[in-house]
Amino acid sequence: MKAVSEELLVQYGFESIEVKQKGIIKTFLKNNFVVVMEQDGLFYYSNVGIEYPLKNEDDLQKIYLEALREKLTDDNLAMK
């Protein structure tokens, strides 16, 4: 089980977007699903001001499915 990282998000097709907000280092977006990397180095799914911690790949896939009602697929595998 992989920890959530910038590399993992890119692998799943997330794009880094420019958002300037206190405490947030980077923001990633895919299909209106926003993941933020905060100063503590941890990743969170952010929705209406509530942050859900994303510790590993399973957390990312589970919350993505719940939020968008579609399975998160690895863009690298989908292209093969």
PDB file of N, CA and C in Angstrom:
ATOM      1  N   MET A   1       0.849  -1.167   0.000  1.00  0.00           N
ATOM      2  CA  MET A   1       0.000   0.000   0.000  1.00  0.00           C
ATOM      3  C   MET A   1       0.907   1.246   0.000  1.00  0.00           C
ATOM      4  N   LYS A   2       0.741   2.076  -1.015  1.00  0.00           N
ATOM      5  CA  LYS A   2       1.571   3.269  -1.163  1.00  0.00           C
ATOM      6  C   LYS A   2       1.008   4.432  -0.364  1.00  0.00           C
ATOM      7  N   ALA A   3       1.909   5.233   0.184  1.00  0.00           N
ATOM      8  CA  ALA A   3       1.501   6.476   0.845  1.00  0.00           C
ATOM      9  C   ALA A   3       1.148   7.493  -0.234  1.00  0.00           C
ATOM     10  N   VAL A   4       0.216   8.389   0.069  1.00  0.00           N
ATOM     11  CA  VAL A   4      -0.145   9.432  -0.891  1.00  0.00           C
ATOM     12  C   VAL A   4       1.038  10.377  -1.026  1.00  0.00           C
ATOM     13  N   SER A   5       1.389  10.675  -2.279  1.00  0.00           N
ATOM     14  CA  SER A   5       2.507  11.557  -2.591  1.00  0.00           C
ATOM     15  C   SER A   5       2.188  12.302  -3.882  1.00  0.00           C
ATOM     16  N   GLU A   6       3.011  13.282  -4.199  1.00  0.00           N
ATOM     17  CA  GLU A   6       2.840  14.002  -5.458  1.00  0.00           C
ATOM     18  C   GLU A   6       2.922  13.036  -6.632  1.00  0.00           C
ATOM     19  N   GLU A   7       3.874  12.116  -6.586  1.00  0.00           N
ATOM     20  CA  GLU A   7       4.068  11.158  -7.663  1.00  0.00           C
ATOM     21  C   GLU A   7       2.838  10.267  -7.856  1.00  0.00           C
ATOM     22  N   LEU A   8       2.243   9.829  -6.757  1.00  0.00           N
ATOM     23  CA  LEU A   8       1.057   8.986  -6.837  1.00  0.00           C
ATOM     24  C   LEU A   8      -0.106   9.754  -7.460  1.00  0.00           C
ATOM     25  N   LEU A   9      -0.284  10.994  -7.054  1.00  0.00           N
ATOM     26  CA  LEU A   9      -1.368  11.805  -7.606  1.00  0.00           C
ATOM     27  C   LEU A   9      -1.185  12.022  -9.102  1.00  0.00           C
ATOM     28  N   VAL A  10       0.030  12.303  -9.532  1.00  0.00           N
ATOM     29  CA  VAL A  10       0.311  12.479 -10.962  1.00  0.00           C
ATOM     30  C   VAL A  10       0.048  11.175 -11.709  1.00  0.00           C
ATOM     31  N   GLN A  11       0.413  10.068 -11.111  1.00  0.00           N
ATOM     32  CA  GLN A  11       0.173   8.749 -11.711  1.00  0.00           C
ATOM     33  C   GLN A  11      -1.313   8.537 -11.969  1.00  0.00           C
ATOM     34  N   TYR A  12      -2.160   9.040 -11.088  1.00  0.00           N
ATOM     35  CA  TYR A  12      -3.605   8.911 -11.235  1.00  0.00           C
ATOM     36  C   TYR A  12      -4.215  10.026 -12.082  1.00  0.00           C
ATOM     37  N   GLY A  13      -3.400  10.908 -12.617  1.00  0.00           N
ATOM     38  CA  GLY A  13      -3.898  11.925 -13.530  1.00  0.00           C
ATOM     39  C   GLY A  13      -4.267  13.254 -12.892  1.00  0.00           C
ATOM     40  N   PHE A  14      -3.882  13.469 -11.649  1.00  0.00           N
ATOM     41  CA  PHE A  14      -4.138  14.756 -11.011  1.00  0.00           C
ATOM     42  C   PHE A  14      -3.170  15.791 -11.570  1.00  0.00           C
ATOM     43  N   GLU A  15      -3.644  17.013 -11.695  1.00  0.00           N
ATOM     44  CA  GLU A  15      -2.814  18.116 -12.161  1.00  0.00           C
ATOM     45  C   GLU A  15      -2.600  19.094 -11.024  1.00  0.00           C
ATOM     46  N   SER A  16      -1.397  19.615 -10.934  1.00  0.00           N
ATOM     47  CA  SER A  16      -1.080  20.627  -9.931  1.00  0.00           C
ATOM     48  C   SER A  16      -1.679  21.949 -10.392  1.00  0.00           C
ATOM     49  N   ILE A  17      -2.393  22.615  -9.500  1.00  0.00           N
ATOM     50  CA  ILE A  17      -2.976  23.915  -9.828  1.00  0.00           C
ATOM     51  C   ILE A  17      -2.481  24.951  -8.835  1.00  0.00           C
ATOM     52  N   GLU A  18      -2.480  26.180  -9.264  1.00  0.00           N
ATOM     53  CA  GLU A  18      -1.982  27.283  -8.440  1.00  0.00           C
ATOM     54  C   GLU A  18      -3.105  27.821  -7.560  1.00  0.00           C
ATOM     55  N   VAL A  19      -2.991  27.622  -6.265  1.00  0.00           N
ATOM     56  CA  VAL A  19      -3.936  28.159  -5.293  1.00  0.00           C
ATOM     57  C   VAL A  19      -3.126  28.738  -4.156  1.00  0.00           C
ATOM     58  N   LYS A  20      -3.332  30.005  -3.876  1.00  0.00           N
ATOM     59  CA  LYS A  20      -2.603  30.630  -2.781  1.00  0.00           C
ATOM     60  C   LYS A  20      -3.533  30.730  -1.578  1.00  0.00           C
ATOM     61  N   GLN A  21      -3.229  29.920  -0.597  1.00  0.00           N
ATOM     62  CA  GLN A  21      -4.023  29.887   0.617  1.00  0.00           C
ATOM     63  C   GLN A  21      -3.095  29.553   1.770  1.00  0.00           C
ATOM     64  N   LYS A  22      -3.304  30.199   2.875  1.00  0.00           N
ATOM     65  CA  LYS A  22      -2.441  30.006   4.039  1.00  0.00           C
ATOM     66  C   LYS A  22      -2.430  28.537   4.470  1.00  0.00           C
ATOM     67  N   GLY A  23      -1.222  28.009   4.656  1.00  0.00           N
ATOM     68  CA  GLY A  23      -1.061  26.647   5.144  1.00  0.00           C
ATOM     69  C   GLY A  23      -1.027  25.586   4.061  1.00  0.00           C
ATOM     70  N   ILE A  24      -1.326  25.972   2.813  1.00  0.00           N
ATOM     71  CA  ILE A  24      -1.353  25.000   1.723  1.00  0.00           C
ATOM     72  C   ILE A  24      -0.125  25.189   0.846  1.00  0.00           C
ATOM     73  N   ILE A  25       0.604  24.104   0.629  1.00  0.00           N
ATOM     74  CA  ILE A  25       1.800  24.146  -0.205  1.00  0.00           C
ATOM     75  C   ILE A  25       1.433  23.924  -1.666  1.00  0.00           C
ATOM     76  N   LYS A  26       0.660  22.868  -1.954  1.00  0.00           N
ATOM     77  CA  LYS A  26       0.258  22.541  -3.317  1.00  0.00           C
ATOM     78  C   LYS A  26      -1.184  22.058  -3.337  1.00  0.00           C
ATOM     79  N   THR A  27      -1.807  22.236  -4.486  1.00  0.00           N
ATOM     80  CA  THR A  27      -3.171  21.765  -4.697  1.00  0.00           C
ATOM     81  C   THR A  27      -3.210  20.951  -5.976  1.00  0.00           C
ATOM     82  N   PHE A  28      -3.930  19.842  -5.948  1.00  0.00           N
ATOM     83  CA  PHE A  28      -4.043  18.954  -7.100  1.00  0.00           C
ATOM     84  C   PHE A  28      -5.523  18.766  -7.434  1.00  0.00           C
ATOM     85  N   LEU A  29      -5.817  18.648  -8.717  1.00  0.00           N
ATOM     86  CA  LEU A  29      -7.208  18.579  -9.156  1.00  0.00           C
ATOM     87  C   LEU A  29      -7.390  17.509 -10.221  1.00  0.00           C
ATOM     88  N   LYS A  30      -8.485  16.767 -10.087  1.00  0.00           N
ATOM     89  CA  LYS A  30      -8.920  15.832 -11.124  1.00  0.00           C
ATOM     90  C   LYS A  30     -10.434  15.716 -11.021  1.00  0.00           C
ATOM     91  N   ASN A  31     -11.135  16.043 -12.085  1.00  0.00           N
ATOM     92  CA  ASN A  31     -12.602  15.929 -12.130  1.00  0.00           C
ATOM     93  C   ASN A  31     -13.288  16.620 -10.947  1.00  0.00           C
ATOM     94  N   ASN A  32     -12.861  17.825 -10.624  1.00  0.00           N
ATOM     95  CA  ASN A  32     -13.405  18.605  -9.504  1.00  0.00           C
ATOM     96  C   ASN A  32     -13.161  17.964  -8.140  1.00  0.00           C
ATOM     97  N   PHE A  33     -12.229  17.046  -8.055  1.00  0.00           N
ATOM     98  CA  PHE A  33     -11.822  16.415  -6.799  1.00  0.00           C
ATOM     99  C   PHE A  33     -10.500  17.072  -6.410  1.00  0.00           C
ATOM    100  N   VAL A  34     -10.502  17.785  -5.295  1.00  0.00           N
ATOM    101  CA  VAL A  34      -9.352  18.583  -4.890  1.00  0.00           C
ATOM    102  C   VAL A  34      -8.593  17.908  -3.753  1.00  0.00           C
ATOM    103  N   VAL A  35      -7.295  17.745  -3.954  1.00  0.00           N
ATOM    104  CA  VAL A  35      -6.402  17.227  -2.924  1.00  0.00           C
ATOM    105  C   VAL A  35      -5.395  18.321  -2.614  1.00  0.00           C
ATOM    106  N   VAL A  36      -5.231  18.626  -1.327  1.00  0.00           N
ATOM    107  CA  VAL A  36      -4.269  19.650  -0.933  1.00  0.00           C
ATOM    108  C   VAL A  36      -3.135  19.030  -0.126  1.00  0.00           C
ATOM    109  N   MET A  37      -1.962  19.591  -0.319  1.00  0.00           N
ATOM    110  CA  MET A  37      -0.797  19.216   0.487  1.00  0.00           C
ATOM    111  C   MET A  37      -0.533  20.401   1.399  1.00  0.00           C
ATOM    112  N   GLU A  38      -0.620  20.163   2.682  1.00  0.00           N
ATOM    113  CA  GLU A  38      -0.447  21.246   3.643  1.00  0.00           C
ATOM    114  C   GLU A  38       0.984  21.304   4.156  1.00  0.00           C
ATOM    115  N   GLN A  39       1.262  22.335   4.935  1.00  0.00           N
ATOM    116  CA  GLN A  39       2.616  22.558   5.437  1.00  0.00           C
ATOM    117  C   GLN A  39       3.131  21.404   6.283  1.00  0.00           C
ATOM    118  N   ASP A  40       2.229  20.639   6.867  1.00  0.00           N
ATOM    119  CA  ASP A  40       2.658  19.490   7.677  1.00  0.00           C
ATOM    120  C   ASP A  40       3.130  18.325   6.804  1.00  0.00           C
ATOM    121  N   GLY A  41       3.007  18.492   5.455  1.00  0.00           N
ATOM    122  CA  GLY A  41       3.452  17.464   4.521  1.00  0.00           C
ATOM    123  C   GLY A  41       2.416  16.390   4.259  1.00  0.00           C
ATOM    124  N   LEU A  42       1.257  16.506   4.876  1.00  0.00           N
ATOM    125  CA  LEU A  42       0.197  15.522   4.687  1.00  0.00           C
ATOM    126  C   LEU A  42      -0.774  15.978   3.613  1.00  0.00           C
ATOM    127  N   PHE A  43      -1.472  15.002   3.035  1.00  0.00           N
ATOM    128  CA  PHE A  43      -2.427  15.268   1.963  1.00  0.00           C
ATOM    129  C   PHE A  43      -3.848  15.110   2.495  1.00  0.00           C
ATOM    130  N   TYR A  44      -4.749  15.953   1.977  1.00  0.00           N
ATOM    131  CA  TYR A  44      -6.142  15.943   2.396  1.00  0.00           C
ATOM    132  C   TYR A  44      -7.044  16.127   1.192  1.00  0.00           C
ATOM    133  N   TYR A  45      -8.219  15.473   1.229  1.00  0.00           N
ATOM    134  CA  TYR A  45      -9.286  15.780   0.286  1.00  0.00           C
ATOM    135  C   TYR A  45     -10.046  16.922   0.929  1.00  0.00           C
ATOM    136  N   SER A  46     -10.250  17.977   0.197  1.00  0.00           N
ATOM    137  CA  SER A  46     -10.906  19.156   0.737  1.00  0.00           C
ATOM    138  C   SER A  46     -12.248  19.364   0.056  1.00  0.00           C
ATOM    139  N   ASN A  47     -13.313  19.486   0.862  1.00  0.00           N
ATOM    140  CA  ASN A  47     -14.652  19.707   0.324  1.00  0.00           C
ATOM    141  C   ASN A  47     -15.447  20.562   1.299  1.00  0.00           C
ATOM    142  N   VAL A  48     -15.969  21.671   0.818  1.00  0.00           N
ATOM    143  CA  VAL A  48     -16.756  22.636   1.600  1.00  0.00           C
ATOM    144  C   VAL A  48     -16.136  22.927   2.975  1.00  0.00           C
ATOM    145  N   GLY A  49     -14.846  23.142   2.982  1.00  0.00           N
ATOM    146  CA  GLY A  49     -14.162  23.519   4.206  1.00  0.00           C
ATOM    147  C   GLY A  49     -13.813  22.376   5.143  1.00  0.00           C
ATOM    148  N   ILE A  50     -14.156  21.161   4.761  1.00  0.00           N
ATOM    149  CA  ILE A  50     -13.834  19.990   5.579  1.00  0.00           C
ATOM    150  C   ILE A  50     -12.690  19.255   4.906  1.00  0.00           C
ATOM    151  N   GLU A  51     -11.702  18.858   5.696  1.00  0.00           N
ATOM    152  CA  GLU A  51     -10.555  18.146   5.162  1.00  0.00           C
ATOM    153  C   GLU A  51     -10.558  16.701   5.662  1.00  0.00           C
ATOM    154  N   TYR A  52     -10.415  15.793   4.704  1.00  0.00           N
ATOM    155  CA  TYR A  52     -10.368  14.370   5.002  1.00  0.00           C
ATOM    156  C   TYR A  52      -8.941  13.887   4.758  1.00  0.00           C
ATOM    157  N   PRO A  53      -8.275  13.351   5.776  1.00  0.00           N
ATOM    158  CA  PRO A  53      -6.881  12.929   5.593  1.00  0.00           C
ATOM    159  C   PRO A  53      -6.760  11.774   4.603  1.00  0.00           C
ATOM    160  N   LEU A  54      -5.736  11.848   3.777  1.00  0.00           N
ATOM    161  CA  LEU A  54      -5.426  10.798   2.808  1.00  0.00           C
ATOM    162  C   LEU A  54      -4.049  10.253   3.154  1.00  0.00           C
ATOM    163  N   LYS A  55      -4.014   9.168   3.874  1.00  0.00           N
ATOM    164  CA  LYS A  55      -2.739   8.610   4.322  1.00  0.00           C
ATOM    165  C   LYS A  55      -2.125   7.666   3.301  1.00  0.00           C
ATOM    166  N   ASN A  56      -2.991   6.932   2.578  1.00  0.00           N
ATOM    167  CA  ASN A  56      -2.467   5.944   1.643  1.00  0.00           C
ATOM    168  C   ASN A  56      -3.360   5.854   0.411  1.00  0.00           C
ATOM    169  N   GLU A  57      -2.933   5.040  -0.520  1.00  0.00           N
ATOM    170  CA  GLU A  57      -3.636   4.885  -1.798  1.00  0.00           C
ATOM    171  C   GLU A  57      -5.074   4.391  -1.598  1.00  0.00           C
ATOM    172  N   ASP A  58      -5.288   3.514  -0.637  1.00  0.00           N
ATOM    173  CA  ASP A  58      -6.637   3.017  -0.358  1.00  0.00           C
ATOM    174  C   ASP A  58      -7.569   4.145   0.087  1.00  0.00           C
ATOM    175  N   ASP A  59      -7.076   5.049   0.952  1.00  0.00           N
ATOM    176  CA  ASP A  59      -7.871   6.199   1.382  1.00  0.00           C
ATOM    177  C   ASP A  59      -8.258   7.060   0.183  1.00  0.00           C
ATOM    178  N   LEU A  60      -7.292   7.319  -0.689  1.00  0.00           N
ATOM    179  CA  LEU A  60      -7.526   8.135  -1.881  1.00  0.00           C
ATOM    180  C   LEU A  60      -8.601   7.508  -2.758  1.00  0.00           C
ATOM    181  N   GLN A  61      -8.486   6.219  -3.033  1.00  0.00           N
ATOM    182  CA  GLN A  61      -9.454   5.540  -3.887  1.00  0.00           C
ATOM    183  C   GLN A  61     -10.845   5.497  -3.253  1.00  0.00           C
ATOM    184  N   LYS A  62     -10.908   5.254  -1.957  1.00  0.00           N
ATOM    185  CA  LYS A  62     -12.190   5.161  -1.255  1.00  0.00           C
ATOM    186  C   LYS A  62     -12.928   6.501  -1.259  1.00  0.00           C
ATOM    187  N   ILE A  63     -12.245   7.561  -0.922  1.00  0.00           N
ATOM    188  CA  ILE A  63     -12.896   8.873  -0.849  1.00  0.00           C
ATOM    189  C   ILE A  63     -13.246   9.374  -2.250  1.00  0.00           C
ATOM    190  N   TYR A  64     -12.400   9.104  -3.238  1.00  0.00           N
ATOM    191  CA  TYR A  64     -12.697   9.484  -4.620  1.00  0.00           C
ATOM    192  C   TYR A  64     -13.984   8.799  -5.076  1.00  0.00           C
ATOM    193  N   LEU A  65     -14.102   7.507  -4.801  1.00  0.00           N
ATOM    194  CA  LEU A  65     -15.304   6.758  -5.171  1.00  0.00           C
ATOM    195  C   LEU A  65     -16.540   7.319  -4.474  1.00  0.00           C
ATOM    196  N   GLU A  66     -16.430   7.627  -3.188  1.00  0.00           N
ATOM    197  CA  GLU A  66     -17.566   8.170  -2.442  1.00  0.00           C
ATOM    198  C   GLU A  66     -17.962   9.554  -2.956  1.00  0.00           C
ATOM    199  N   ALA A  67     -16.982  10.380  -3.294  1.00  0.00           N
ATOM    200  CA  ALA A  67     -17.256  11.754  -3.717  1.00  0.00           C
ATOM    201  C   ALA A  67     -17.803  11.830  -5.139  1.00  0.00           C
ATOM    202  N   LEU A  68     -17.241  11.058  -6.053  1.00  0.00           N
ATOM    203  CA  LEU A  68     -17.596  11.189  -7.468  1.00  0.00           C
ATOM    204  C   LEU A  68     -18.389  10.019  -8.025  1.00  0.00           C
ATOM    205  N   ARG A  69     -18.560   8.984  -7.220  1.00  0.00           N
ATOM    206  CA  ARG A  69     -19.280   7.789  -7.651  1.00  0.00           C
ATOM    207  C   ARG A  69     -18.667   7.164  -8.904  1.00  0.00           C
ATOM    208  N   GLU A  70     -17.348   7.269  -8.987  1.00  0.00           N
ATOM    209  CA  GLU A  70     -16.621   6.573 -10.047  1.00  0.00           C
ATOM    210  C   GLU A  70     -15.284   6.137  -9.494  1.00  0.00           C
ATOM    211  N   LYS A  71     -14.792   5.046 -10.036  1.00  0.00           N
ATOM    212  CA  LYS A  71     -13.547   4.469  -9.556  1.00  0.00           C
ATOM    213  C   LYS A  71     -12.360   5.286 -10.073  1.00  0.00           C
ATOM    214  N   LEU A  72     -11.393   5.510  -9.217  1.00  0.00           N
ATOM    215  CA  LEU A  72     -10.165   6.196  -9.575  1.00  0.00           C
ATOM    216  C   LEU A  72      -9.248   5.187 -10.254  1.00  0.00           C
ATOM    217  N   THR A  73      -8.850   5.493 -11.482  1.00  0.00           N
ATOM    218  CA  THR A  73      -7.996   4.571 -12.214  1.00  0.00           C
ATOM    219  C   THR A  73      -6.633   5.203 -12.467  1.00  0.00           C
ATOM    220  N   ASP A  74      -5.652   4.354 -12.520  1.00  0.00           N
ATOM    221  CA  ASP A  74      -4.277   4.761 -12.790  1.00  0.00           C
ATOM    222  C   ASP A  74      -4.177   5.115 -14.265  1.00  0.00           C
ATOM    223  N   ASP A  75      -3.873   6.361 -14.599  1.00  0.00           N
ATOM    224  CA  ASP A  75      -3.790   6.805 -15.991  1.00  0.00           C
ATOM    225  C   ASP A  75      -2.734   6.032 -16.767  1.00  0.00           C
ATOM    226  N   ASN A  76      -1.671   5.630 -16.133  1.00  0.00           N
ATOM    227  CA  ASN A  76      -0.626   4.859 -16.821  1.00  0.00           C
ATOM    228  C   ASN A  76      -1.136   3.481 -17.240  1.00  0.00           C
ATOM    229  N   LEU A  77      -1.942   2.855 -16.394  1.00  0.00           N
ATOM    230  CA  LEU A  77      -2.489   1.536 -16.732  1.00  0.00           C
ATOM    231  C   LEU A  77      -3.597   1.652 -17.767  1.00  0.00           C
ATOM    232  N   ALA A  78      -4.373   2.739 -17.701  1.00  0.00           N
ATOM    233  CA  ALA A  78      -5.489   2.931 -18.628  1.00  0.00           C
ATOM    234  C   ALA A  78      -5.007   3.121 -20.065  1.00  0.00           C
ATOM    235  N   MET A  79      -3.798   3.640 -20.243  1.00  0.00           N
ATOM    236  CA  MET A  79      -3.264   3.900 -21.572  1.00  0.00           C
ATOM    237  C   MET A  79      -2.744   2.635 -22.252  1.00  0.00           C
ATOM    238  N   LYS A  80      -2.512   1.591 -21.496  1.00  0.00           N
ATOM    239  CA  LYS A  80      -1.949   0.350 -22.063  1.00  0.00           C
ATOM    240  C   LYS A  80      -3.016  -0.497 -22.724  1.00  0.00           C
TER     241      LYS A  80
END
